[in-house]
C-alpha atoms as a PDB file:
ATOM      1  CA  MET A   1      12.307  10.088 -17.196  1.00  0.00           C
ATOM      2  CA  ALA A   2      10.261  13.252 -15.603  1.00  0.00           C
ATOM      3  CA  HIS A   3       9.700  14.452 -11.924  1.00  0.00           C
ATOM      4  CA  LEU A   4       5.881  13.155 -10.976  1.00  0.00           C
ATOM      5  CA  ILE A   5       3.457  14.959  -8.980  1.00  0.00           C
ATOM      6  CA  GLN A   6       1.974  12.925  -5.965  1.00  0.00           C
ATOM      7  CA  LYS A   7      -1.618  13.099  -7.037  1.00  0.00           C
ATOM      8  CA  ASP A   8      -3.260  12.056  -3.736  1.00  0.00           C
ATOM      9  CA  GLU A   9      -0.812  14.720  -1.669  1.00  0.00           C
ATOM     10  CA  CYS A  10      -1.396  17.744  -3.917  1.00  0.00           C
ATOM     11  CA  THR A  11      -3.352  20.521  -2.403  1.00  0.00           C
ATOM     12  CA  ASN A  12      -2.968  22.153  -5.683  1.00  0.00           C
ATOM     13  CA  CYS A  13      -1.379  25.617  -4.980  1.00  0.00           C
ATOM     14  CA  GLY A  14      -0.306  26.384  -8.203  1.00  0.00           C
ATOM     15  CA  ALA A  15       3.476  26.518  -6.486  1.00  0.00           C
ATOM     16  CA  CYS A  16       4.947  24.681  -8.705  1.00  0.00           C
ATOM     17  CA  GLU A  17       3.956  25.666 -12.636  1.00  0.00           C
ATOM     18  CA  GLU A  18       3.924  29.506 -11.938  1.00  0.00           C
ATOM     19  CA  VAL A  19       8.156  28.327 -11.490  1.00  0.00           C
ATOM     20  CA  CYS A  20       8.207  26.090 -14.068  1.00  0.00           C
ATOM     21  CA  PRO A  21      10.506  27.586 -16.587  1.00  0.00           C
ATOM     22  CA  VAL A  22       9.495  25.687 -19.521  1.00  0.00           C
ATOM     23  CA  GLU A  23       5.967  25.019 -18.261  1.00  0.00           C
ATOM     24  CA  CYS A  24       5.211  21.835 -18.894  1.00  0.00           C
ATOM     25  CA  ILE A  25       2.784  21.837 -15.040  1.00  0.00           C
ATOM     26  CA  SER A  26      -1.036  22.344 -15.760  1.00  0.00           C
ATOM     27  CA  GLU A  27      -4.170  21.903 -14.160  1.00  0.00           C
ATOM     28  CA  VAL A  28      -6.227  18.302 -14.641  1.00  0.00           C
ATOM     29  CA  ASP A  29      -8.934  17.735 -12.658  1.00  0.00           C
ATOM     30  CA  GLU A  30      -8.122  19.805 -10.413  1.00  0.00           C
ATOM     31  CA  LYS A  31      -4.453  18.463  -9.285  1.00  0.00           C
ATOM     32  CA  ARG A  32      -1.719  19.113 -10.810  1.00  0.00           C
ATOM     33  CA  PHE A  33       0.254  17.210 -13.538  1.00  0.00           C
ATOM     34  CA  ILE A  34       3.689  17.432 -15.647  1.00  0.00           C
ATOM     35  CA  ASP A  35       4.027  16.594 -19.140  1.00  0.00           C
ATOM     36  CA  PRO A  36       7.002  13.910 -19.129  1.00  0.00           C
ATOM     37  CA  ASP A  37       7.776  15.167 -22.541  1.00  0.00           C
ATOM     38  CA  ALA A  38       8.248  18.921 -22.430  1.00  0.00           C
ATOM     39  CA  CYS A  39       9.581  18.371 -18.344  1.00  0.00           C
ATOM     40  CA  ILE A  40      13.542  18.899 -18.097  1.00  0.00           C
ATOM     41  CA  ASP A  41      14.212  18.027 -15.125  1.00  0.00           C
ATOM     42  CA  CYS A  42      15.207  21.584 -13.838  1.00  0.00           C
ATOM     43  CA  GLY A  43      13.628  20.491  -9.770  1.00  0.00           C
ATOM     44  CA  ALA A  44      12.360  24.647  -9.582  1.00  0.00           C
ATOM     45  CA  CYS A  45       9.305  22.231  -8.789  1.00  0.00           C
ATOM     46  CA  ILE A  46      10.249  20.616  -6.032  1.00  0.00           C
ATOM     47  CA  GLU A  47      12.196  23.502  -4.437  1.00  0.00           C
ATOM     48  CA  VAL A  48       8.830  25.362  -4.096  1.00  0.00           C
ATOM     49  CA  CYS A  49       5.873  22.782  -3.172  1.00  0.00           C
ATOM     50  CA  PRO A  50       4.824  23.844  -0.040  1.00  0.00           C
ATOM     51  CA  VAL A  51       3.479  19.756   0.706  1.00  0.00           C
ATOM     52  CA  THR A  52       7.142  18.295  -0.904  1.00  0.00           C
ATOM     53  CA  CYS A  53       4.660  16.193  -3.125  1.00  0.00           C
ATOM     54  CA  ILE A  54       7.350  16.050  -6.076  1.00  0.00           C
ATOM     55  CA  LEU A  55       9.526  13.254  -6.885  1.00  0.00           C
ATOM     56  CA  ALA A  56      12.716  14.239  -8.776  1.00  0.00           C
ATOM     57  CA  PRO A  57      13.529  10.814 -11.712  1.00  0.00           C
ATOM     58  CA  GLU A  58      15.315   9.551  -9.754  1.00  0.00           C
ATOM     59  CA  GLU A  59      13.172   8.936  -6.449  1.00  0.00           C
END
């Protein structure tokens, strides 16, 4: 299961997209979205999110 961005908390800063090694994060409706089929669950996005709105699969 892929990481998930809580859209109601996302500020659309783009920090997560910049660090994603598989480029699975994109902008959808002025918020960031993680493609669950491409996400490798590395957690790089969690570490850089300034508002901690990205959830790991087990959360």
